C-alpha atoms as a PDB file:
ATOM      1  CA  MET A   1      -2.417-109.323 -43.581  1.00  0.00           C
ATOM      2  CA  PHE A   2      -5.219-107.774 -41.612  1.00  0.00           C
ATOM      3  CA  ARG A   3      -7.734-108.978 -44.160  1.00  0.00           C
ATOM      4  CA  GLU A   4      -6.500-112.504 -43.820  1.00  0.00           C
ATOM      5  CA  VAL A   5      -6.964-112.282 -40.012  1.00  0.00           C
ATOM      6  CA  LEU A   6     -10.527-110.974 -40.585  1.00  0.00           C
ATOM      7  CA  ARG A   7     -11.343-113.841 -42.952  1.00  0.00           C
ATOM      8  CA  LYS A   8     -10.029-116.410 -40.575  1.00  0.00           C
ATOM      9  CA  VAL A   9     -12.033-115.031 -37.676  1.00  0.00           C
ATOM     10  CA  CYS A  10     -15.150-114.854 -39.748  1.00  0.00           C
ATOM     11  CA  GLU A  11     -14.854-118.235 -41.513  1.00  0.00           C
ATOM     12  CA  SER A  12     -12.975-120.476 -39.114  1.00  0.00           C
ATOM     13  CA  ASP A  13     -13.964-119.087 -35.723  1.00  0.00           C
ATOM     14  CA  LEU A  14     -17.436-117.757 -36.287  1.00  0.00           C
ATOM     15  CA  ARG A  15     -18.529-119.953 -39.254  1.00  0.00           C
ATOM     16  CA  HIS A  16     -19.626-117.004 -41.367  1.00  0.00           C
ATOM     17  CA  ASP A  17     -19.549-117.029 -45.138  1.00  0.00           C
ATOM     18  CA  VAL A  18     -17.346-114.136 -46.467  1.00  0.00           C
ATOM     19  CA  VAL A  19     -19.146-113.168 -49.692  1.00  0.00           C
ATOM     20  CA  GLY A  20     -16.917-110.293 -50.816  1.00  0.00           C
ATOM     21  CA  GLU A  21     -13.967-108.060 -50.178  1.00  0.00           C
ATOM     22  CA  THR A  22     -12.743-104.674 -51.550  1.00  0.00           C
ATOM     23  CA  GLY A  23     -10.186-102.109 -50.763  1.00  0.00           C
ATOM     24  CA  ASP A  24     -11.816 -98.756 -51.766  1.00  0.00           C
ATOM     25  CA  GLY A  25     -14.916 -96.895 -50.742  1.00  0.00           C
ATOM     26  CA  ALA A  26     -16.753 -96.530 -54.012  1.00  0.00           C
ATOM     27  CA  SER A  27     -16.566-100.169 -54.897  1.00  0.00           C
ATOM     28  CA  ALA A  28     -17.507-101.111 -51.337  1.00  0.00           C
ATOM     29  CA  VAL A  29     -20.896 -99.330 -51.682  1.00  0.00           C
ATOM     30  CA  GLU A  30     -21.535-100.950 -55.009  1.00  0.00           C
ATOM     31  CA  LEU A  31     -20.614-104.345 -53.652  1.00  0.00           C
ATOM     32  CA  VAL A  32     -22.749-104.028 -50.577  1.00  0.00           C
ATOM     33  CA  ILE A  33     -25.821-102.870 -52.470  1.00  0.00           C
ATOM     34  CA  ARG A  34     -25.382-105.767 -54.925  1.00  0.00           C
ATOM     35  CA  LEU A  35     -24.761-108.520 -52.326  1.00  0.00           C
ATOM     36  CA  GLN A  36     -26.899-107.264 -49.434  1.00  0.00           C
ATOM     37  CA  PRO A  37     -24.750-108.953 -46.801  1.00  0.00           C
ATOM     38  CA  ASP A  38     -25.812-109.339 -43.170  1.00  0.00           C
ATOM     39  CA  LEU A  39     -22.680-107.663 -41.861  1.00  0.00           C
ATOM     40  CA  VAL A  40     -19.972-105.360 -43.162  1.00  0.00           C
ATOM     41  CA  LEU A  41     -16.621-105.018 -41.445  1.00  0.00           C
ATOM     42  CA  LEU A  42     -15.491-101.512 -42.450  1.00  0.00           C
ATOM     43  CA  ASP A  43     -12.256 -99.560 -42.132  1.00  0.00           C
ATOM     44  CA  LEU A  44     -12.935 -95.887 -42.073  1.00  0.00           C
ATOM     45  CA  HIS A  45      -9.906 -94.889 -44.198  1.00  0.00           C
ATOM     46  CA  LEU A  46     -10.455 -95.913 -47.760  1.00  0.00           C
ATOM     47  CA  PRO A  47      -9.472 -94.443 -51.066  1.00  0.00           C
ATOM     48  CA  ASN A  48     -12.048 -92.776 -53.366  1.00  0.00           C
ATOM     49  CA  LEU A  49     -14.675 -92.505 -50.595  1.00  0.00           C
ATOM     50  CA  ASP A  50     -14.014 -92.594 -46.872  1.00  0.00           C
ATOM     51  CA  GLY A  51     -15.770 -94.968 -44.552  1.00  0.00           C
ATOM     52  CA  PHE A  52     -18.398 -92.437 -43.477  1.00  0.00           C
ATOM     53  CA  GLY A  53     -19.389 -92.006 -47.076  1.00  0.00           C
ATOM     54  CA  VAL A  54     -19.592 -95.878 -47.278  1.00  0.00           C
ATOM     55  CA  VAL A  55     -21.872 -95.955 -44.242  1.00  0.00           C
ATOM     56  CA  ASP A  56     -24.205 -93.363 -45.866  1.00  0.00           C
ATOM     57  CA  GLY A  57     -24.332 -95.429 -49.013  1.00  0.00           C
ATOM     58  CA  ILE A  58     -25.020 -98.654 -47.197  1.00  0.00           C
ATOM     59  CA  HIS A  59     -27.862 -97.065 -45.211  1.00  0.00           C
ATOM     60  CA  GLY A  60     -29.369 -95.846 -48.385  1.00  0.00           C
ATOM     61  CA  GLY A  61     -28.941 -99.033 -50.515  1.00  0.00           C
ATOM     62  CA  ALA A  62     -28.699-101.847 -47.928  1.00  0.00           C
ATOM     63  CA  PRO A  63     -30.627-100.652 -44.923  1.00  0.00           C
ATOM     64  CA  ASN A  64     -30.751-104.156 -43.292  1.00  0.00           C
ATOM     65  CA  THR A  65     -26.945-104.552 -43.417  1.00  0.00           C
ATOM     66  CA  ARG A  66     -25.247-104.129 -40.056  1.00  0.00           C
ATOM     67  CA  ILE A  67     -21.951-102.276 -39.841  1.00  0.00           C
ATOM     68  CA  LEU A  68     -18.960-102.883 -37.595  1.00  0.00           C
ATOM     69  CA  VAL A  69     -16.254-100.253 -37.931  1.00  0.00           C
ATOM     70  CA  LEU A  70     -12.589-101.246 -37.492  1.00  0.00           C
ATOM     71  CA  SER A  71     -10.221 -98.264 -37.136  1.00  0.00           C
ATOM     72  CA  SER A  72      -6.759 -97.425 -35.862  1.00  0.00           C
ATOM     73  CA  HIS A  73      -8.089 -93.891 -35.133  1.00  0.00           C
ATOM     74  CA  CYS A  74     -10.159 -93.508 -32.033  1.00  0.00           C
ATOM     75  CA  ASP A  75     -10.157 -89.746 -31.442  1.00  0.00           C
ATOM     76  CA  GLU A  76     -12.894 -87.336 -30.382  1.00  0.00           C
ATOM     77  CA  TYR A  77     -14.095 -86.367 -33.870  1.00  0.00           C
ATOM     78  CA  THR A  78     -14.000 -89.796 -35.285  1.00  0.00           C
ATOM     79  CA  VAL A  79     -16.074 -91.095 -32.307  1.00  0.00           C
ATOM     80  CA  PHE A  80     -18.452 -88.268 -32.744  1.00  0.00           C
ATOM     81  CA  ARG A  81     -18.867 -89.004 -36.413  1.00  0.00           C
ATOM     82  CA  ALA A  82     -19.291 -92.751 -35.748  1.00  0.00           C
ATOM     83  CA  GLU A  83     -22.065 -92.019 -33.272  1.00  0.00           C
ATOM     84  CA  ARG A  84     -23.903 -89.846 -35.717  1.00  0.00           C
ATOM     85  CA  SER A  85     -23.513 -92.268 -38.605  1.00  0.00           C
ATOM     86  CA  GLY A  86     -25.542 -94.997 -36.995  1.00  0.00           C
ATOM     87  CA  VAL A  87     -22.992 -97.825 -37.052  1.00  0.00           C
ATOM     88  CA  HIS A  88     -23.588-100.837 -34.885  1.00  0.00           C
ATOM     89  CA  GLY A  89     -20.071-101.244 -33.475  1.00  0.00           C
ATOM     90  CA  PHE A  90     -16.549 -99.909 -33.311  1.00  0.00           C
ATOM     91  CA  VAL A  91     -13.332-101.822 -32.751  1.00  0.00           C
ATOM     92  CA  ASP A  92     -10.211 -99.846 -31.888  1.00  0.00           C
ATOM     93  CA  LYS A  93      -7.388-101.673 -33.686  1.00  0.00           C
ATOM     94  CA  ASN A  94      -4.785-100.147 -31.391  1.00  0.00           C
ATOM     95  CA  THR A  95      -6.122-101.479 -28.178  1.00  0.00           C
ATOM     96  CA  ASN A  96      -8.538-104.339 -28.942  1.00  0.00           C
ATOM     97  CA  SER A  97      -7.306-107.952 -29.233  1.00  0.00           C
ATOM     98  CA  VAL A  98      -8.416-110.548 -31.781  1.00  0.00           C
ATOM     99  CA  ALA A  99     -10.596-112.039 -29.113  1.00  0.00           C
ATOM    100  CA  ALA A 100     -12.315-108.714 -28.735  1.00  0.00           C
ATOM    101  CA  LEU A 101     -12.803-108.468 -32.446  1.00  0.00           C
ATOM    102  CA  ARG A 102     -14.221-111.924 -32.508  1.00  0.00           C
ATOM    103  CA  GLU A 103     -16.750-111.038 -29.765  1.00  0.00           C
ATOM    104  CA  ALA A 104     -17.662-107.732 -31.479  1.00  0.00           C
ATOM    105  CA  ILE A 105     -18.428-109.530 -34.791  1.00  0.00           C
ATOM    106  CA  GLY A 106     -20.522-112.061 -32.970  1.00  0.00           C
ATOM    107  CA  LEU A 107     -22.557-109.426 -31.096  1.00  0.00           C
ATOM    108  CA  VAL A 108     -23.205-107.180 -34.070  1.00  0.00           C
ATOM    109  CA  ALA A 109     -24.071-110.181 -36.346  1.00  0.00           C
ATOM    110  CA  LYS A 110     -26.677-111.243 -33.869  1.00  0.00           C
ATOM    111  CA  GLY A 111     -28.328-107.869 -33.746  1.00  0.00           C
ATOM    112  CA  GLY A 112     -26.536-106.349 -30.885  1.00  0.00           C
ATOM    113  CA  THR A 113     -24.021-103.550 -30.623  1.00  0.00           C
ATOM    114  CA  SER A 114     -20.370-103.492 -29.564  1.00  0.00           C
ATOM    115  CA  PHE A 115     -18.254-100.373 -28.937  1.00  0.00           C
ATOM    116  CA  SER A 116     -14.670-100.587 -27.653  1.00  0.00           C
ATOM    117  CA  PRO A 117     -13.793 -99.332 -24.148  1.00  0.00           C
ATOM    118  CA  ALA A 118     -11.648 -96.618 -25.746  1.00  0.00           C
ATOM    119  CA  PHE A 119     -14.628 -95.497 -27.881  1.00  0.00           C
ATOM    120  CA  LYS A 120     -16.867 -95.293 -24.784  1.00  0.00           C
ATOM    121  CA  ARG A 121     -14.291 -93.449 -22.741  1.00  0.00           C
ATOM    122  CA  ILE A 122     -13.760 -90.790 -25.369  1.00  0.00           C
ATOM    123  CA  ARG A 123     -17.527 -90.505 -25.978  1.00  0.00           C
ATOM    124  CA  ASP A 124     -18.320 -90.143 -22.305  1.00  0.00           C
ATOM    125  CA  ALA A 125     -15.625 -87.555 -21.712  1.00  0.00           C
ATOM    126  CA  ARG A 126     -16.978 -85.484 -24.548  1.00  0.00           C
ATOM    127  CA  LEU A 127     -20.513 -85.706 -23.295  1.00  0.00           C
ATOM    128  CA  ARG A 128     -19.402 -84.532 -19.872  1.00  0.00           C
ATOM    129  CA  ASP A 129     -17.510 -81.569 -21.309  1.00  0.00           C
ATOM    130  CA  PRO A 130     -19.803 -78.460 -21.656  1.00  0.00           C
ATOM    131  CA  GLY A 131     -17.314 -76.830 -23.961  1.00  0.00           C
ATOM    132  CA  SER A 132     -16.884 -79.815 -26.355  1.00  0.00           C
ATOM    133  CA  PHE A 133     -16.865 -79.017 -30.093  1.00  0.00           C
ATOM    134  CA  ASP A 134     -20.254 -80.733 -30.727  1.00  0.00           C
ATOM    135  CA  LYS A 135     -21.941 -78.438 -28.134  1.00  0.00           C
ATOM    136  CA  VAL A 136     -20.458 -75.074 -29.289  1.00  0.00           C
ATOM    137  CA  LEU A 137     -19.954 -75.546 -33.033  1.00  0.00           C
ATOM    138  CA  GLY A 138     -22.414 -76.003 -35.770  1.00  0.00           C
ATOM    139  CA  ASN A 139     -22.091 -78.312 -38.777  1.00  0.00           C
ATOM    140  CA  ARG A 140     -20.462 -75.599 -41.021  1.00  0.00           C
ATOM    141  CA  GLU A 141     -18.102 -74.507 -38.285  1.00  0.00           C
ATOM    142  CA  ARG A 142     -16.987 -78.093 -37.805  1.00  0.00           C
ATOM    143  CA  ALA A 143     -16.314 -78.268 -41.542  1.00  0.00           C
ATOM    144  CA  ILE A 144     -14.244 -75.107 -41.203  1.00  0.00           C
ATOM    145  CA  VAL A 145     -12.167 -76.716 -38.478  1.00  0.00           C
ATOM    146  CA  ALA A 146     -11.377 -79.728 -40.594  1.00  0.00           C
ATOM    147  CA  LEU A 147     -10.296 -77.630 -43.541  1.00  0.00           C
ATOM    148  CA  VAL A 148      -8.279 -75.141 -41.493  1.00  0.00           C
ATOM    149  CA  GLY A 149      -6.549 -78.190 -40.007  1.00  0.00           C
ATOM    150  CA  GLU A 150      -5.490 -79.249 -43.516  1.00  0.00           C
ATOM    151  CA  ALA A 151      -3.739 -75.874 -43.743  1.00  0.00           C
ATOM    152  CA  LEU A 152      -6.130 -74.588 -46.488  1.00  0.00           C
ATOM    153  CA  THR A 153      -6.375 -70.882 -47.088  1.00  0.00           C
ATOM    154  CA  ASP A 154      -9.647 -69.035 -46.642  1.00  0.00           C
ATOM    155  CA  HIS A 155      -9.864 -68.789 -50.510  1.00  0.00           C
ATOM    156  CA  GLN A 156      -9.385 -72.568 -50.799  1.00  0.00           C
ATOM    157  CA  ILE A 157     -11.986 -73.306 -48.061  1.00  0.00           C
ATOM    158  CA  ALA A 158     -14.495 -70.925 -49.688  1.00  0.00           C
ATOM    159  CA  LYS A 159     -14.096 -72.777 -52.989  1.00  0.00           C
ATOM    160  CA  ARG A 160     -14.385 -76.177 -51.366  1.00  0.00           C
ATOM    161  CA  LEU A 161     -17.566 -75.156 -49.450  1.00  0.00           C
ATOM    162  CA  GLN A 162     -18.912 -72.831 -52.175  1.00  0.00           C
ATOM    163  CA  ILE A 163     -19.362 -69.930 -49.883  1.00  0.00           C
ATOM    164  CA  ALA A 164     -17.820 -66.386 -49.805  1.00  0.00           C
ATOM    165  CA  VAL A 165     -14.258 -65.801 -48.545  1.00  0.00           C
ATOM    166  CA  GLU A 166     -15.636 -63.328 -46.052  1.00  0.00           C
ATOM    167  CA  THR A 167     -17.995 -65.892 -44.652  1.00  0.00           C
ATOM    168  CA  VAL A 168     -15.109 -68.275 -44.121  1.00  0.00           C
ATOM    169  CA  ALA A 169     -13.090 -65.649 -42.269  1.00  0.00           C
ATOM    170  CA  LYS A 170     -16.018 -64.882 -40.017  1.00  0.00           C
ATOM    171  CA  HIS A 171     -16.623 -68.602 -39.282  1.00  0.00           C
ATOM    172  CA  ARG A 172     -12.920 -69.141 -38.517  1.00  0.00           C
ATOM    173  CA  LEU A 173     -12.861 -66.197 -36.031  1.00  0.00           C
ATOM    174  CA  ASN A 174     -16.060 -67.440 -34.407  1.00  0.00           C
ATOM    175  CA  VAL A 175     -14.614 -70.956 -34.078  1.00  0.00           C
ATOM    176  CA  VAL A 176     -11.434 -69.711 -32.435  1.00  0.00           C
ATOM    177  CA  ARG A 177     -13.550 -67.695 -29.958  1.00  0.00           C
ATOM    178  CA  LYS A 178     -16.028 -70.485 -29.169  1.00  0.00           C
ATOM    179  CA  LEU A 179     -13.217 -73.073 -28.548  1.00  0.00           C
ATOM    180  CA  GLY A 180     -11.275 -70.664 -26.314  1.00  0.00           C
ATOM    181  CA  LEU A 181      -8.283 -70.528 -28.606  1.00  0.00           C
ATOM    182  CA  LYS A 182      -5.933 -67.623 -29.271  1.00  0.00           C
ATOM    183  CA  ASN A 183      -5.511 -67.726 -33.028  1.00  0.00           C
ATOM    184  CA  THR A 184      -5.555 -69.802 -36.210  1.00  0.00           C
ATOM    185  CA  THR A 185      -2.235 -71.534 -35.319  1.00  0.00           C
ATOM    186  CA  GLU A 186      -3.933 -72.938 -32.207  1.00  0.00           C
ATOM    187  CA  LEU A 187      -6.944 -73.886 -34.227  1.00  0.00           C
ATOM    188  CA  VAL A 188      -4.761 -75.938 -36.638  1.00  0.00           C
ATOM    189  CA  ARG A 189      -3.199 -77.736 -33.674  1.00  0.00           C
ATOM    190  CA  TYR A 190      -6.669 -78.349 -32.164  1.00  0.00           C
ATOM    191  CA  ALA A 191      -7.974 -79.787 -35.409  1.00  0.00           C
ATOM    192  CA  ARG A 192      -5.011 -82.224 -35.707  1.00  0.00           C
ATOM    193  CA  GLU A 193      -5.107 -83.298 -32.043  1.00  0.00           C
ATOM    194  CA  HIS A 194      -8.882 -84.032 -32.076  1.00  0.00           C
ATOM    195  CA  GLY A 195      -8.976 -85.921 -35.303  1.00  0.00           C
ATOM    196  CA  PHE A 196     -10.582 -83.364 -37.642  1.00  0.00           C
ATOM    197  CA  THR A 197      -7.942 -83.727 -40.319  1.00  0.00           C
ATOM    198  CA  LEU A 198      -7.987 -87.482 -40.811  1.00  0.00           C
ATOM    199  CA  VAL A 199      -8.397 -88.207 -44.437  1.00  0.00           C
ATOM    200  CA  ALA A 200      -8.609 -91.366 -46.652  1.00  0.00           C
ATOM    201  CA  PRO A 201      -5.199 -92.774 -47.563  1.00  0.00           C
ATOM    202  CA  LYS A 202      -4.406 -93.598 -51.157  1.00  0.00           C
ATOM    203  CA  SER A 203      -4.339 -97.306 -50.482  1.00  0.00           C
ATOM    204  CA  GLY A 204      -4.169-100.043 -47.819  1.00  0.00           C
ATOM    205  CA  ALA A 205      -7.498-100.150 -46.060  1.00  0.00           C
ATOM    206  CA  ASP A 206     -10.098-102.768 -46.509  1.00  0.00           C
ATOM    207  CA  VAL A 207     -13.790-103.718 -46.399  1.00  0.00           C
ATOM    208  CA  MET A 208     -14.904-107.285 -45.832  1.00  0.00           C
ATOM    209  CA  LEU A 209     -18.512-108.554 -46.126  1.00  0.00           C
ATOM    210  CA  PRO A 210     -19.249-111.647 -43.966  1.00  0.00           C
END
């Protein structure tokens, strides 16, 4: 249903040609590289390869393609990752209207940027916070937070990251201390509340290439 709304907005309202659609991350990258569209409307939660992996693939294989993210998740970590990924816009599906979506597509297609008010509010609050995770944690530590939030054991995390179990334990304790938490239970809660544990669903998200 949402893809039908996107197609209508692109074709009927904005007079764009929709040259392709797909519902999983791996085929999205292949399709974008093959078709080289002007604009990609991208859901972050895709099977096989999440939206941020798709963004990396697009930057590598279709550097002139502009990317507008559409997501029902607008939390601190998702906003942070979107900033670092170099996308050109972000529409929050929970708070933005179809009119706002139409405006965002138009702006990004013309070479501008468009980030939702919720995105900007969350970004600005994080930038003002001297103790925010991006200021106190390194890349490896942020990866540890995400995996702890998925309730993985130190052994499972070590295998996933290909590091020693002792290194995982040390990182986990350092993260708890840096974030001002009391224990691993609070760290799991922190990870889930701040969006570190959002993973690609098995189905249901879409990519459209106008």
